[in-house]
Amino acid sequence: MEEKVNFAVVGVFVLLLGAALIGGVLWFSSGKSYNQVYDIYQTYMSESVSGLNLNAPVRYRGVEVGQVQEIRLAPGNVEQVQLTLGILRGTPIKADTIALLQTHGLTGITFVELSGGSHDGSALQAKEGERYPIIQSGPSLITRLDTSVTALLGNLNRTSQNINTLLDADNRKAIKNTLKDVESLSHTLAARQAEIDSSLKNAAQTLDNTARFSG
């Protein structure tokens, strides 16, 4: 009986030791994460945030500096989405910093990219009436491409309409008549080429005689 009790004590001791070792590894592997402080910022997007999830990365010039903590429709403005961001304290968030939605090409993961912010710019502060500092947002690459393509298609459509107007029945008839007139004039000039040449020679001779007489 005594031997069985000893084995039980040893087993409990081994379990406790293993748990302590695992806890220690997790503690040290986390490094300084327990001491990191995050400041709260908000930004408002006027485009769809489809694909953006809670805890999605927030990156500053490609370096991960925080996470998306909340995604919701902006209070009082259903045309915008309010994002609440937890950003590592010390990250240089300036008054001219811009938040953009980006998508990783390979994984398709959507995240918030912070860019801009001049070196000498002032740090972003919450304005009166704001709970948190608000980072201005900009259109994502997809939105910019969509806008450019839409504008291009609009220009092509207008060009097509102008061409159709130019080539309608009346204009085609007018152009055809003009070409006929040009063709007729060409035939007339060709038929009277000798007469025209003679007239030009006579005119040249007259000018030459006049010049010699004047001299």
Protein backbone atom coordinates (compact mmCIF):
# COMPACT_ATOMS: atom_id res chain seq x y z
CA MET A 1 0.00 0.00 0.00
CA GLU A 2 2.87 2.31 0.88
CA GLU A 3 4.46 1.69 -2.54
CA LYS A 4 1.25 2.68 -4.35
CA VAL A 5 1.03 5.94 -2.37
CA ASN A 6 4.59 6.84 -3.32
CA PHE A 7 3.85 6.31 -6.99
CA ALA A 8 0.81 8.58 -6.70
CA VAL A 9 2.87 11.31 -5.07
CA VAL A 10 5.54 10.99 -7.74
CA GLY A 11 2.90 11.19 -10.47
CA VAL A 12 1.40 14.36 -9.02
CA PHE A 13 4.87 15.86 -8.66
CA VAL A 14 5.70 15.08 -12.29
CA LEU A 15 2.46 16.63 -13.49
CA LEU A 16 3.03 19.79 -11.46
CA LEU A 17 6.62 20.02 -12.67
CA GLY A 18 5.51 19.59 -16.29
CA ALA A 19 2.85 22.27 -15.91
CA ALA A 20 5.40 24.62 -14.36
CA LEU A 21 7.85 24.00 -17.20
CA ILE A 22 5.19 24.63 -19.84
CA GLY A 23 4.09 27.81 -18.08
CA GLY A 24 7.68 28.99 -17.88
CA VAL A 25 8.27 28.33 -21.57
CA LEU A 26 5.11 30.23 -22.52
CA TRP A 27 6.07 33.11 -20.24
CA PHE A 28 9.56 33.51 -21.63
CA SER A 29 8.56 32.86 -25.23
CA SER A 30 6.09 35.74 -24.96
CA GLY A 31 9.02 38.00 -24.22
CA LYS A 32 7.90 41.51 -23.48
CA SER A 33 4.36 41.13 -24.76
CA TYR A 34 2.98 41.31 -21.23
CA ASN A 35 4.64 44.69 -20.74
CA GLN A 36 3.51 46.19 -24.05
CA VAL A 37 0.98 49.01 -23.91
CA TYR A 38 -1.45 49.70 -26.73
CA ASP A 39 -3.12 53.04 -27.44
CA ILE A 40 -6.58 53.18 -28.98
CA TYR A 41 -7.24 54.94 -32.28
CA GLN A 42 -10.17 54.97 -34.65
CA THR A 43 -10.56 55.39 -38.38
CA TYR A 44 -13.57 55.55 -40.68
CA MET A 45 -13.73 53.71 -44.01
CA SER A 46 -16.08 54.80 -46.80
CA GLU A 47 -15.65 51.54 -48.69
CA SER A 48 -16.52 47.92 -47.98
CA VAL A 49 -14.38 46.24 -45.33
CA SER A 50 -15.29 42.76 -46.55
CA GLY A 51 -12.52 40.34 -45.61
CA LEU A 52 -11.34 42.37 -42.61
CA ASN A 53 -11.74 40.44 -39.36
CA LEU A 54 -11.33 41.21 -35.68
CA ASN A 55 -7.69 40.97 -34.56
CA ALA A 56 -6.57 41.57 -38.14
CA PRO A 57 -3.08 43.07 -38.22
CA VAL A 58 -2.44 46.80 -38.22
CA ARG A 59 0.85 47.55 -39.96
CA TYR A 60 2.92 50.68 -40.17
CA ARG A 61 4.96 50.68 -43.38
CA GLY A 62 4.75 46.89 -43.37
CA VAL A 63 5.68 46.40 -39.69
CA GLU A 64 2.95 44.93 -37.50
CA VAL A 65 2.14 47.40 -34.72
CA GLY A 66 -1.32 46.40 -33.54
CA GLN A 67 -4.67 44.76 -34.19
CA VAL A 68 -8.20 45.66 -35.21
CA GLN A 69 -10.23 45.58 -32.00
CA GLU A 70 -13.70 46.48 -33.26
CA ILE A 71 -15.56 46.73 -36.58
CA ARG A 72 -18.95 48.44 -36.70
CA LEU A 73 -21.06 50.82 -38.72
CA ALA A 74 -20.24 54.41 -37.85
CA PRO A 75 -22.79 55.84 -35.42
CA GLY A 76 -25.03 58.26 -37.26
CA ASN A 77 -23.50 57.54 -40.68
CA VAL A 78 -24.33 54.24 -42.36
CA GLU A 79 -22.10 55.15 -45.32
CA GLN A 80 -18.98 54.62 -43.21
CA VAL A 81 -17.49 51.79 -41.17
CA GLN A 82 -15.83 52.59 -37.86
CA LEU A 83 -12.66 50.66 -37.05
CA THR A 84 -11.18 50.70 -33.57
CA LEU A 85 -7.45 49.96 -33.58
CA GLY A 86 -5.11 49.00 -30.78
CA ILE A 87 -1.68 50.34 -31.74
CA LEU A 88 1.56 49.76 -29.87
CA ARG A 89 2.51 52.81 -27.83
CA GLY A 90 5.45 54.62 -29.38
CA THR A 91 4.30 54.03 -32.95
CA PRO A 92 4.71 57.39 -34.74
CA ILE A 93 1.07 58.13 -35.56
CA LYS A 94 1.10 61.65 -36.99
CA ALA A 95 -1.69 64.05 -37.86
CA ASP A 96 -1.09 63.28 -41.56
CA THR A 97 -0.89 59.49 -41.18
CA ILE A 98 -3.36 57.67 -43.44
CA ALA A 99 -5.07 54.31 -42.87
CA LEU A 100 -5.66 52.11 -45.92
CA LEU A 101 -7.16 48.67 -46.41
CA GLN A 102 -4.69 46.28 -47.97
CA THR A 103 -4.94 42.65 -49.02
CA HIS A 104 -2.04 40.24 -48.93
CA GLY A 105 -1.71 38.91 -52.45
CA LEU A 106 -0.94 35.29 -51.58
CA THR A 107 -3.14 34.67 -48.55
CA GLY A 108 -5.94 37.11 -49.33
CA ILE A 109 -5.83 38.36 -45.73
CA THR A 110 -7.11 41.92 -45.38
CA PHE A 111 -5.35 44.22 -42.92
CA VAL A 112 -4.99 47.91 -42.11
CA GLU A 113 -1.88 49.60 -43.47
CA LEU A 114 -0.73 52.91 -41.99
CA SER A 115 1.34 55.11 -44.26
CA GLY A 116 2.44 58.69 -44.64
CA GLY A 117 3.17 60.81 -41.64
CA SER A 118 6.00 63.30 -42.04
CA HIS A 119 8.99 63.07 -39.72
CA ASP A 120 8.43 66.58 -38.37
CA GLY A 121 4.64 66.27 -38.24
CA SER A 122 2.76 66.65 -34.99
CA ALA A 123 1.54 63.59 -33.11
CA LEU A 124 -2.12 62.78 -33.67
CA GLN A 125 -4.28 63.83 -30.74
CA ALA A 126 -7.98 63.40 -30.02
CA LYS A 127 -9.94 66.53 -30.85
CA GLU A 128 -12.58 68.01 -28.63
CA GLY A 129 -15.57 65.69 -28.51
CA GLU A 130 -13.61 62.68 -29.76
CA ARG A 131 -13.17 59.69 -27.51
CA TYR A 132 -10.06 58.54 -29.35
CA PRO A 133 -7.73 60.11 -31.92
CA ILE A 134 -9.10 59.56 -35.42
CA ILE A 135 -6.71 58.54 -38.19
CA GLN A 136 -7.77 59.84 -41.59
CA SER A 137 -8.43 57.12 -44.15
CA GLY A 138 -7.75 56.80 -47.85
CA PRO A 139 -9.08 54.61 -50.66
CA SER A 140 -7.60 51.16 -51.04
CA LEU A 141 -5.77 50.09 -54.20
CA ILE A 142 -8.83 48.12 -55.32
CA THR A 143 -11.06 51.17 -54.89
CA ARG A 144 -8.60 53.38 -56.80
CA LEU A 145 -8.43 50.84 -59.63
CA ASP A 146 -12.22 50.54 -59.69
CA THR A 147 -12.55 54.33 -59.92
CA SER A 148 -9.97 54.51 -62.73
CA VAL A 149 -11.61 51.68 -64.68
CA THR A 150 -15.04 53.29 -64.26
CA ALA A 151 -13.69 56.62 -65.54
CA LEU A 152 -11.98 54.86 -68.46
CA LEU A 153 -15.16 53.02 -69.41
CA GLY A 154 -17.07 56.31 -69.22
CA ASN A 155 -14.58 57.96 -71.58
CA LEU A 156 -14.77 55.02 -73.98
CA ASN A 157 -18.56 55.19 -73.92
CA ARG A 158 -18.55 58.91 -74.70
CA THR A 159 -16.02 58.37 -77.49
CA SER A 160 -18.18 55.62 -78.95
CA GLN A 161 -21.22 57.89 -78.84
CA ASN A 162 -19.28 60.67 -80.58
CA ILE A 163 -18.16 58.26 -83.29
CA ASN A 164 -21.72 57.02 -83.76
CA THR A 165 -22.92 60.61 -84.04
CA LEU A 166 -20.19 61.38 -86.57
CA LEU A 167 -21.07 58.33 -88.61
CA ASP A 168 -24.86 58.64 -88.59
CA ALA A 169 -26.75 58.49 -91.89
CA ASP A 170 -26.75 62.23 -92.60
CA ASN A 171 -23.07 62.68 -91.83
CA ARG A 172 -22.11 59.61 -93.84
CA LYS A 173 -24.05 61.02 -96.79
CA ALA A 174 -22.35 64.42 -96.40
CA ILE A 175 -18.92 62.81 -96.23
CA LYS A 176 -19.73 60.69 -99.29
CA ASN A 177 -20.80 63.78 -101.26
CA THR A 178 -17.65 65.63 -100.20
CA LEU A 179 -15.50 62.75 -101.39
CA LYS A 180 -17.37 62.72 -104.71
CA ASP A 181 -16.74 66.46 -105.13
CA VAL A 182 -13.05 65.97 -104.39
CA GLU A 183 -12.91 63.13 -106.89
CA SER A 184 -14.68 65.23 -109.55
CA LEU A 185 -12.31 68.13 -108.93
CA SER A 186 -9.35 65.81 -109.27
CA HIS A 187 -10.62 64.52 -112.63
CA THR A 188 -11.20 68.08 -113.85
CA LEU A 189 -7.72 69.18 -112.84
CA ALA A 190 -6.21 66.13 -114.48
CA ALA A 191 -8.11 66.76 -117.73
CA ARG A 192 -6.98 70.38 -117.86
CA GLN A 193 -3.44 69.72 -116.73
CA ALA A 194 -1.93 70.94 -120.00
CA GLU A 195 -3.99 74.12 -119.94
CA ILE A 196 -3.04 74.76 -116.33
CA ASP A 197 0.63 74.21 -117.09
CA SER A 198 0.43 76.64 -120.02
CA SER A 199 -1.27 79.27 -117.88
CA LEU A 200 1.37 78.90 -115.18
CA LYS A 201 4.15 79.26 -117.76
CA ASN A 202 2.52 82.37 -119.23
CA ALA A 203 2.11 83.87 -115.78
CA ALA A 204 5.73 83.15 -114.97
CA GLN A 205 6.86 84.67 -118.27
CA THR A 206 4.74 87.77 -117.65
CA LEU A 207 6.25 88.23 -114.19
CA ASP A 208 9.72 87.78 -115.60
CA ASN A 209 9.14 90.36 -118.36
CA THR A 210 7.67 92.79 -115.85
CA ALA A 211 10.68 92.40 -113.62
CA ARG A 212 13.12 93.02 -116.48
CA PHE A 213 11.13 96.02 -117.70
CA SER A 214 11.09 97.49 -114.21
CA GLY A 215 14.80 96.91 -113.85
